Amino acid sequence: MQHALLGHMLASMAKAEETFNITSAPTALRADQSSRQKRYFISMMIRTLCFILTIILPSPYRWIALAGAMILPYIAVVVANAGRETFSPGVNMQNENPRALS
């Protein structure tokens, strides 16, 4: 009987303790910045390729490459800045039962 009572007490104590989920932690700032810099660098290399193709390609394709070279900086900045978001999807930021000092 004591074992059953002890088991029940341990189970109720485990339910009362607050647990934290570490899998919802964001990536490290250094890793996030590094990946954003890589995305921006790749976009600018594609832009440079578009400028080179503007010189090399014949007339109808030249204008497509030039348009790509002109539009790509805007896209590259938007993609590079789409990193570290303030809120993760599915994470509830409001604590329903805040702890009180007693």
N, C-alpha and C. Protein backbone atom coordinates (compact mmCIF):
# COMPACT_ATOMS: atom_id res chain seq x y z
N MET A 1 0.81 -1.18 0.00
CA MET A 1 0.00 0.00 0.00
C MET A 1 0.86 1.26 0.00
N GLN A 2 1.95 1.22 0.73
CA GLN A 2 2.83 2.38 0.76
C GLN A 2 3.44 2.64 -0.62
N HIS A 3 3.74 1.55 -1.33
CA HIS A 3 4.31 1.72 -2.67
C HIS A 3 3.32 2.39 -3.61
N ALA A 4 2.06 2.03 -3.51
CA ALA A 4 1.03 2.64 -4.35
C ALA A 4 0.86 4.11 -4.00
N LEU A 5 0.87 4.43 -2.71
CA LEU A 5 0.73 5.82 -2.28
C LEU A 5 1.94 6.64 -2.72
N LEU A 6 3.13 6.06 -2.58
CA LEU A 6 4.35 6.75 -3.00
C LEU A 6 4.35 6.98 -4.51
N GLY A 7 3.92 5.98 -5.27
CA GLY A 7 3.83 6.13 -6.72
C GLY A 7 2.85 7.21 -7.13
N HIS A 8 1.70 7.28 -6.44
CA HIS A 8 0.70 8.31 -6.73
C HIS A 8 1.24 9.70 -6.41
N MET A 9 1.97 9.83 -5.31
CA MET A 9 2.55 11.13 -4.93
C MET A 9 3.59 11.57 -5.95
N LEU A 10 4.44 10.66 -6.39
CA LEU A 10 5.46 11.00 -7.38
C LEU A 10 4.82 11.40 -8.71
N ALA A 11 3.76 10.71 -9.09
CA ALA A 11 3.07 11.04 -10.34
C ALA A 11 2.44 12.42 -10.26
N SER A 12 1.82 12.75 -9.13
CA SER A 12 1.20 14.07 -9.00
C SER A 12 2.25 15.17 -8.94
N MET A 13 3.43 14.90 -8.34
CA MET A 13 4.50 15.88 -8.30
C MET A 13 5.07 16.11 -9.70
N ALA A 14 5.17 15.05 -10.49
CA ALA A 14 5.69 15.18 -11.85
C ALA A 14 4.75 16.00 -12.71
N LYS A 15 3.44 15.87 -12.48
CA LYS A 15 2.47 16.66 -13.25
C LYS A 15 2.53 18.13 -12.86
N ALA A 16 2.84 18.41 -11.59
CA ALA A 16 2.86 19.78 -11.11
C ALA A 16 4.08 20.55 -11.59
N GLU A 17 5.18 19.86 -11.88
CA GLU A 17 6.39 20.54 -12.32
C GLU A 17 6.24 21.02 -13.76
N GLU A 18 6.79 22.19 -14.03
CA GLU A 18 6.73 22.76 -15.37
C GLU A 18 7.86 22.18 -16.19
N THR A 19 7.55 21.76 -17.40
CA THR A 19 8.57 21.21 -18.29
C THR A 19 8.80 22.18 -19.44
N PHE A 20 10.01 22.17 -19.97
CA PHE A 20 10.38 23.04 -21.07
C PHE A 20 10.76 22.20 -22.27
N ASN A 21 10.34 22.63 -23.42
CA ASN A 21 10.63 21.94 -24.66
C ASN A 21 11.80 22.66 -25.34
N ILE A 22 12.95 22.02 -25.39
CA ILE A 22 14.12 22.69 -25.98
C ILE A 22 14.14 22.59 -27.49
N THR A 23 13.27 21.79 -28.08
CA THR A 23 13.27 21.68 -29.54
C THR A 23 12.67 22.91 -30.20
N SER A 24 11.95 23.74 -29.46
CA SER A 24 11.39 24.94 -30.05
C SER A 24 12.35 26.13 -29.94
N ALA A 25 13.56 25.88 -29.43
CA ALA A 25 14.55 26.96 -29.31
C ALA A 25 15.01 27.37 -30.71
N PRO A 26 15.18 28.67 -30.95
CA PRO A 26 15.64 29.12 -32.27
C PRO A 26 17.10 28.75 -32.50
N THR A 27 17.50 28.81 -33.77
CA THR A 27 18.88 28.53 -34.11
C THR A 27 19.78 29.63 -33.55
N ALA A 28 21.04 29.32 -33.40
CA ALA A 28 22.00 30.29 -32.87
C ALA A 28 22.11 31.47 -33.83
N LEU A 29 22.34 32.65 -33.28
CA LEU A 29 22.43 33.86 -34.09
C LEU A 29 23.55 33.75 -35.11
N ARG A 30 24.69 33.19 -34.72
CA ARG A 30 25.82 33.06 -35.64
C ARG A 30 25.46 32.17 -36.83
N ALA A 31 24.79 31.05 -36.57
CA ALA A 31 24.39 30.15 -37.65
C ALA A 31 23.35 30.81 -38.55
N ASP A 32 22.43 31.56 -37.97
CA ASP A 32 21.40 32.24 -38.75
C ASP A 32 22.02 33.31 -39.65
N GLN A 33 22.93 34.10 -39.12
CA GLN A 33 23.58 35.14 -39.92
C GLN A 33 24.41 34.53 -41.03
N SER A 34 25.09 33.43 -40.73
CA SER A 34 25.91 32.77 -41.74
C SER A 34 25.07 32.27 -42.90
N SER A 35 23.93 31.66 -42.60
CA SER A 35 23.08 31.16 -43.69
C SER A 35 22.48 32.30 -44.49
N ARG A 36 22.13 33.41 -43.84
CA ARG A 36 21.60 34.56 -44.57
C ARG A 36 22.66 35.18 -45.46
N GLN A 37 23.91 35.24 -44.99
CA GLN A 37 24.99 35.78 -45.82
C GLN A 37 25.24 34.89 -47.03
N LYS A 38 25.17 33.59 -46.85
CA LYS A 38 25.36 32.67 -47.98
C LYS A 38 24.26 32.84 -49.02
N ARG A 39 23.00 32.97 -48.56
CA ARG A 39 21.90 33.18 -49.50
C ARG A 39 22.09 34.48 -50.28
N TYR A 40 22.50 35.54 -49.61
CA TYR A 40 22.70 36.83 -50.28
C TYR A 40 23.86 36.74 -51.27
N PHE A 41 24.94 36.09 -50.87
CA PHE A 41 26.10 35.95 -51.75
C PHE A 41 25.73 35.17 -53.02
N ILE A 42 25.00 34.08 -52.87
CA ILE A 42 24.58 33.29 -54.03
C ILE A 42 23.69 34.13 -54.95
N SER A 43 22.79 34.90 -54.37
CA SER A 43 21.91 35.76 -55.18
C SER A 43 22.71 36.81 -55.95
N MET A 44 23.73 37.37 -55.33
CA MET A 44 24.55 38.37 -56.02
C MET A 44 25.43 37.73 -57.10
N MET A 45 25.84 36.50 -56.91
CA MET A 45 26.59 35.81 -57.96
C MET A 45 25.69 35.52 -59.16
N ILE A 46 24.44 35.18 -58.91
CA ILE A 46 23.49 34.99 -60.01
C ILE A 46 23.25 36.32 -60.72
N ARG A 47 23.21 37.40 -59.98
CA ARG A 47 23.04 38.72 -60.59
C ARG A 47 24.23 39.07 -61.48
N THR A 48 25.43 38.76 -60.99
CA THR A 48 26.63 39.01 -61.80
C THR A 48 26.59 38.18 -63.08
N LEU A 49 26.14 36.94 -62.96
CA LEU A 49 26.00 36.08 -64.14
C LEU A 49 24.98 36.69 -65.12
N CYS A 50 23.90 37.24 -64.59
CA CYS A 50 22.91 37.89 -65.47
C CYS A 50 23.51 39.08 -66.22
N PHE A 51 24.36 39.88 -65.56
CA PHE A 51 25.03 40.99 -66.24
C PHE A 51 25.96 40.48 -67.34
N ILE A 52 26.69 39.42 -67.05
CA ILE A 52 27.59 38.85 -68.06
C ILE A 52 26.78 38.31 -69.24
N LEU A 53 25.66 37.64 -68.94
CA LEU A 53 24.81 37.11 -70.01
C LEU A 53 24.17 38.23 -70.82
N THR A 54 23.96 39.39 -70.22
CA THR A 54 23.42 40.54 -70.95
C THR A 54 24.37 40.96 -72.06
N ILE A 55 25.65 40.84 -71.81
CA ILE A 55 26.65 41.20 -72.81
C ILE A 55 26.81 40.12 -73.87
N ILE A 56 26.74 38.85 -73.45
CA ILE A 56 27.03 37.73 -74.34
C ILE A 56 25.84 37.33 -75.21
N LEU A 57 24.64 37.30 -74.65
CA LEU A 57 23.48 36.75 -75.35
C LEU A 57 22.97 37.66 -76.46
N PRO A 58 22.28 37.06 -77.45
CA PRO A 58 21.65 37.88 -78.50
C PRO A 58 20.42 38.62 -77.95
N SER A 59 19.85 39.47 -78.79
CA SER A 59 18.87 40.45 -78.36
C SER A 59 17.66 39.96 -77.56
N PRO A 60 16.87 38.99 -77.95
CA PRO A 60 15.69 38.71 -77.12
C PRO A 60 16.05 38.20 -75.72
N TYR A 61 17.11 37.40 -75.61
CA TYR A 61 17.51 36.84 -74.32
C TYR A 61 18.28 37.86 -73.47
N ARG A 62 18.89 38.82 -74.15
CA ARG A 62 19.64 39.86 -73.46
C ARG A 62 18.75 40.65 -72.51
N TRP A 63 17.53 40.95 -72.95
CA TRP A 63 16.61 41.75 -72.14
C TRP A 63 16.10 40.96 -70.93
N ILE A 64 15.94 39.67 -71.10
CA ILE A 64 15.53 38.83 -69.97
C ILE A 64 16.63 38.79 -68.92
N ALA A 65 17.87 38.63 -69.36
CA ALA A 65 19.00 38.62 -68.42
C ALA A 65 19.15 39.98 -67.73
N LEU A 66 18.95 41.07 -68.47
CA LEU A 66 19.03 42.40 -67.88
C LEU A 66 17.92 42.63 -66.85
N ALA A 67 16.72 42.17 -67.16
CA ALA A 67 15.62 42.29 -66.20
C ALA A 67 15.92 41.48 -64.94
N GLY A 68 16.50 40.30 -65.11
CA GLY A 68 16.89 39.50 -63.95
C GLY A 68 17.94 40.19 -63.11
N ALA A 69 18.89 40.84 -63.76
CA ALA A 69 19.94 41.55 -63.04
C ALA A 69 19.39 42.77 -62.30
N MET A 70 18.33 43.35 -62.81
CA MET A 70 17.76 44.53 -62.16
C MET A 70 16.80 44.15 -61.03
N ILE A 71 16.08 43.05 -61.15
CA ILE A 71 15.09 42.64 -60.14
C ILE A 71 15.73 41.84 -59.01
N LEU A 72 16.79 41.12 -59.31
CA LEU A 72 17.40 40.22 -58.32
C LEU A 72 17.88 40.90 -57.04
N PRO A 73 18.38 42.13 -57.04
CA PRO A 73 18.78 42.74 -55.76
C PRO A 73 17.62 42.86 -54.77
N TYR A 74 16.46 43.24 -55.25
CA TYR A 74 15.30 43.33 -54.36
C TYR A 74 14.95 41.96 -53.78
N ILE A 75 14.91 40.96 -54.63
CA ILE A 75 14.59 39.60 -54.18
C ILE A 75 15.65 39.10 -53.20
N ALA A 76 16.93 39.39 -53.48
CA ALA A 76 18.02 38.94 -52.62
C ALA A 76 17.92 39.56 -51.22
N VAL A 77 17.57 40.82 -51.14
CA VAL A 77 17.44 41.48 -49.84
C VAL A 77 16.26 40.91 -49.07
N VAL A 78 15.15 40.70 -49.74
CA VAL A 78 13.97 40.13 -49.06
C VAL A 78 14.27 38.73 -48.56
N VAL A 79 14.92 37.91 -49.38
CA VAL A 79 15.24 36.54 -48.98
C VAL A 79 16.27 36.53 -47.85
N ALA A 80 17.27 37.40 -47.94
CA ALA A 80 18.31 37.44 -46.90
C ALA A 80 17.75 37.93 -45.57
N ASN A 81 16.78 38.84 -45.61
CA ASN A 81 16.20 39.35 -44.38
C ASN A 81 15.11 38.45 -43.81
N ALA A 82 14.73 37.43 -44.54
CA ALA A 82 13.68 36.51 -44.07
C ALA A 82 14.30 35.45 -43.17
N GLY A 83 15.09 35.88 -42.24
CA GLY A 83 15.72 34.96 -41.30
C GLY A 83 15.05 35.00 -39.97
N ARG A 84 15.75 35.21 -38.97
CA ARG A 84 15.36 35.20 -37.57
C ARG A 84 14.03 35.90 -37.30
N GLU A 85 12.97 35.10 -37.22
CA GLU A 85 11.64 35.64 -36.95
C GLU A 85 11.43 35.75 -35.44
N THR A 86 10.59 36.67 -35.03
CA THR A 86 10.34 36.88 -33.62
C THR A 86 9.52 35.75 -33.03
N PHE A 87 8.52 35.27 -33.75
CA PHE A 87 7.65 34.22 -33.27
C PHE A 87 7.80 32.99 -34.14
N SER A 88 7.88 31.84 -33.52
CA SER A 88 7.90 30.59 -34.25
C SER A 88 6.47 30.12 -34.41
N PRO A 89 6.12 29.55 -35.56
CA PRO A 89 4.75 29.08 -35.73
C PRO A 89 4.45 27.93 -34.77
N GLY A 90 3.29 27.99 -34.18
CA GLY A 90 2.87 26.92 -33.27
C GLY A 90 3.32 27.12 -31.84
N VAL A 91 4.08 28.16 -31.55
CA VAL A 91 4.55 28.39 -30.18
C VAL A 91 3.63 29.41 -29.52
N ASN A 92 3.07 29.05 -28.39
CA ASN A 92 2.20 29.94 -27.65
C ASN A 92 3.05 30.81 -26.74
N MET A 93 3.06 32.11 -27.00
CA MET A 93 3.92 33.01 -26.25
C MET A 93 3.25 33.49 -24.96
N GLN A 94 1.94 33.33 -24.83
CA GLN A 94 1.24 33.80 -23.64
C GLN A 94 1.14 32.66 -22.65
N ASN A 95 1.55 32.92 -21.42
CA ASN A 95 1.49 31.91 -20.38
C ASN A 95 0.10 31.97 -19.77
N GLU A 96 -0.65 30.87 -19.90
CA GLU A 96 -2.02 30.84 -19.41
C GLU A 96 -2.08 30.88 -17.88
N ASN A 97 -1.16 30.21 -17.22
CA ASN A 97 -1.15 30.16 -15.76
C ASN A 97 0.19 30.68 -15.24
N PRO A 98 0.32 32.01 -15.13
CA PRO A 98 1.60 32.54 -14.66
C PRO A 98 1.84 32.14 -13.20
N ARG A 99 3.09 31.92 -12.87
CA ARG A 99 3.44 31.56 -11.51
C ARG A 99 3.34 32.78 -10.61
N ALA A 100 2.88 32.56 -9.40
CA ALA A 100 2.78 33.64 -8.43
C ALA A 100 3.79 33.43 -7.33
N LEU A 101 4.32 34.51 -6.82
CA LEU A 101 5.23 34.42 -5.67
C LEU A 101 4.40 34.20 -4.42
N SER A 102 4.76 33.22 -3.66
CA SER A 102 3.99 32.98 -2.44
C SER A 102 4.91 32.73 -1.27
